[in-house]
């Protein structure tokens, strides 16, 4: 390849860089999708996070509530608590509010 052709290729506009999502962007997209699915399920009669928390948090008086995860595909809330340095996960069916699982560390 001649120097002239090489310089012409290097000087040519390349267009925008390819769109590559970072792991953070992919996680945010997943989170947005879960939120939209939760919103849709709420419209269909599933319980809201606030309703789930109102049922479960008072039953965990000796533990500190630290947050939740939501699996939209299964409509399951996982509430996380901390007691004496141990994490306790309480799984709740978002359709009816029943506790379906619990781990005590």
Protein backbone atom coordinates (compact mmCIF):
# COMPACT_ATOMS: atom_id res chain seq x y z
CA UNK A 1 0.00 0.00 0.00
CA UNK A 2 1.42 3.37 -0.94
CA UNK A 3 1.96 6.11 1.58
CA UNK A 4 -0.64 8.28 -0.20
CA UNK A 5 -3.33 5.61 0.12
CA UNK A 6 -2.43 4.99 3.78
CA UNK A 7 -2.63 8.70 4.61
CA UNK A 8 -5.96 8.97 2.77
CA UNK A 9 -7.36 6.09 4.83
CA UNK A 10 -6.13 7.59 8.08
CA UNK A 11 -7.60 11.00 7.22
CA UNK A 12 -10.98 9.66 6.11
CA UNK A 13 -13.88 10.23 8.49
CA UNK A 14 -14.68 7.03 10.36
CA UNK A 15 -18.18 7.81 11.53
CA UNK A 16 -19.42 7.41 15.08
CA UNK A 17 -17.80 4.75 17.25
CA UNK A 18 -19.78 1.53 17.65
CA UNK A 19 -22.28 1.54 20.51
CA UNK A 20 -20.96 -0.75 23.22
CA UNK A 21 -22.82 -0.91 26.51
CA UNK A 22 -20.78 -1.03 29.67
CA UNK A 23 -21.71 -3.54 32.39
CA UNK A 24 -23.20 -0.63 34.37
CA UNK A 25 -25.37 0.45 31.43
CA UNK A 26 -26.55 -3.13 30.93
CA UNK A 27 -27.42 -3.40 34.63
CA UNK A 28 -29.35 -0.12 34.46
CA UNK A 29 -31.23 -1.35 31.39
CA UNK A 30 -32.14 -4.55 33.25
CA UNK A 31 -33.25 -2.52 36.28
CA UNK A 32 -35.44 -0.29 34.08
CA UNK A 33 -36.97 -3.37 32.50
CA UNK A 34 -37.69 -4.84 35.94
CA UNK A 35 -39.26 -1.58 37.05
CA UNK A 36 -41.49 -1.45 33.99
CA UNK A 37 -42.52 -5.06 34.52
CA UNK A 38 -43.24 -4.36 38.21
CA UNK A 39 -45.37 -1.35 37.20
CA UNK A 40 -47.28 -3.48 34.71
CA UNK A 41 -47.77 -6.26 37.27
CA UNK A 42 -48.98 -3.69 39.82
CA UNK A 43 -51.64 -2.58 37.34
CA UNK A 44 -52.65 -6.24 37.02
CA UNK A 45 -53.25 -6.54 40.77
CA UNK A 46 -49.88 -7.46 42.29
CA UNK A 47 -48.97 -5.83 45.57
CA UNK A 48 -46.66 -2.82 45.66
CA UNK A 49 -43.35 -2.77 47.50
CA UNK A 50 -44.89 -0.53 50.16
CA UNK A 51 -47.67 -3.06 50.78
CA UNK A 52 -45.15 -5.89 51.00
CA UNK A 53 -42.97 -3.89 53.42
CA UNK A 54 -46.01 -3.03 55.57
CA UNK A 55 -46.71 -6.75 55.98
CA UNK A 56 -43.19 -8.06 56.51
CA UNK A 57 -41.10 -5.38 58.25
CA UNK A 58 -43.20 -5.35 61.46
CA UNK A 59 -42.67 -9.12 61.82
CA UNK A 60 -38.89 -8.57 61.92
CA UNK A 61 -38.80 -6.36 65.04
CA UNK A 62 -35.36 -7.54 66.14
CA UNK A 63 -33.73 -6.90 62.74
CA UNK A 64 -32.84 -3.80 60.74
CA UNK A 65 -34.44 -3.53 57.29
CA UNK A 66 -31.72 -2.74 54.75
CA UNK A 67 -33.45 -3.00 51.37
CA UNK A 68 -34.96 -5.26 48.75
CA UNK A 69 -34.54 -6.88 45.36
CA UNK A 70 -37.33 -7.66 42.95
CA UNK A 71 -37.45 -10.50 40.44
CA UNK A 72 -40.03 -9.31 37.94
CA UNK A 73 -40.10 -12.57 36.00
CA UNK A 74 -41.19 -14.47 39.13
CA UNK A 75 -42.95 -11.53 40.89
CA UNK A 76 -40.89 -12.18 44.02
CA UNK A 77 -39.63 -9.54 46.41
CA UNK A 78 -36.58 -10.39 48.49
CA UNK A 79 -36.42 -8.17 51.55
CA UNK A 80 -33.06 -7.96 53.30
CA UNK A 81 -32.61 -7.55 57.03
CA UNK A 82 -29.60 -7.41 59.35
CA UNK A 83 -29.56 -8.95 62.82
CA UNK A 84 -26.39 -9.26 64.90
CA UNK A 85 -24.18 -9.09 61.81
CA UNK A 86 -26.20 -11.74 59.95
CA UNK A 87 -28.13 -10.99 56.77
CA UNK A 88 -31.64 -12.44 56.65
CA UNK A 89 -33.42 -12.66 53.31
CA UNK A 90 -37.20 -12.95 53.28
CA UNK A 91 -38.77 -13.92 49.95
CA UNK A 92 -42.33 -12.70 49.42
CA UNK A 93 -44.75 -13.54 46.62
CA UNK A 94 -45.67 -10.20 45.04
CA UNK A 95 -49.04 -11.54 43.88
CA UNK A 96 -50.45 -12.26 47.34
CA UNK A 97 -47.94 -11.06 49.94
CA UNK A 98 -47.19 -14.52 51.36
CA UNK A 99 -43.72 -15.26 52.69
CA UNK A 100 -42.40 -18.12 50.58
CA UNK A 101 -38.87 -18.39 51.91
CA UNK A 102 -36.51 -17.13 54.55
CA UNK A 103 -32.81 -17.53 55.22
CA UNK A 104 -31.28 -16.75 58.57
CA UNK A 105 -27.69 -16.64 57.42
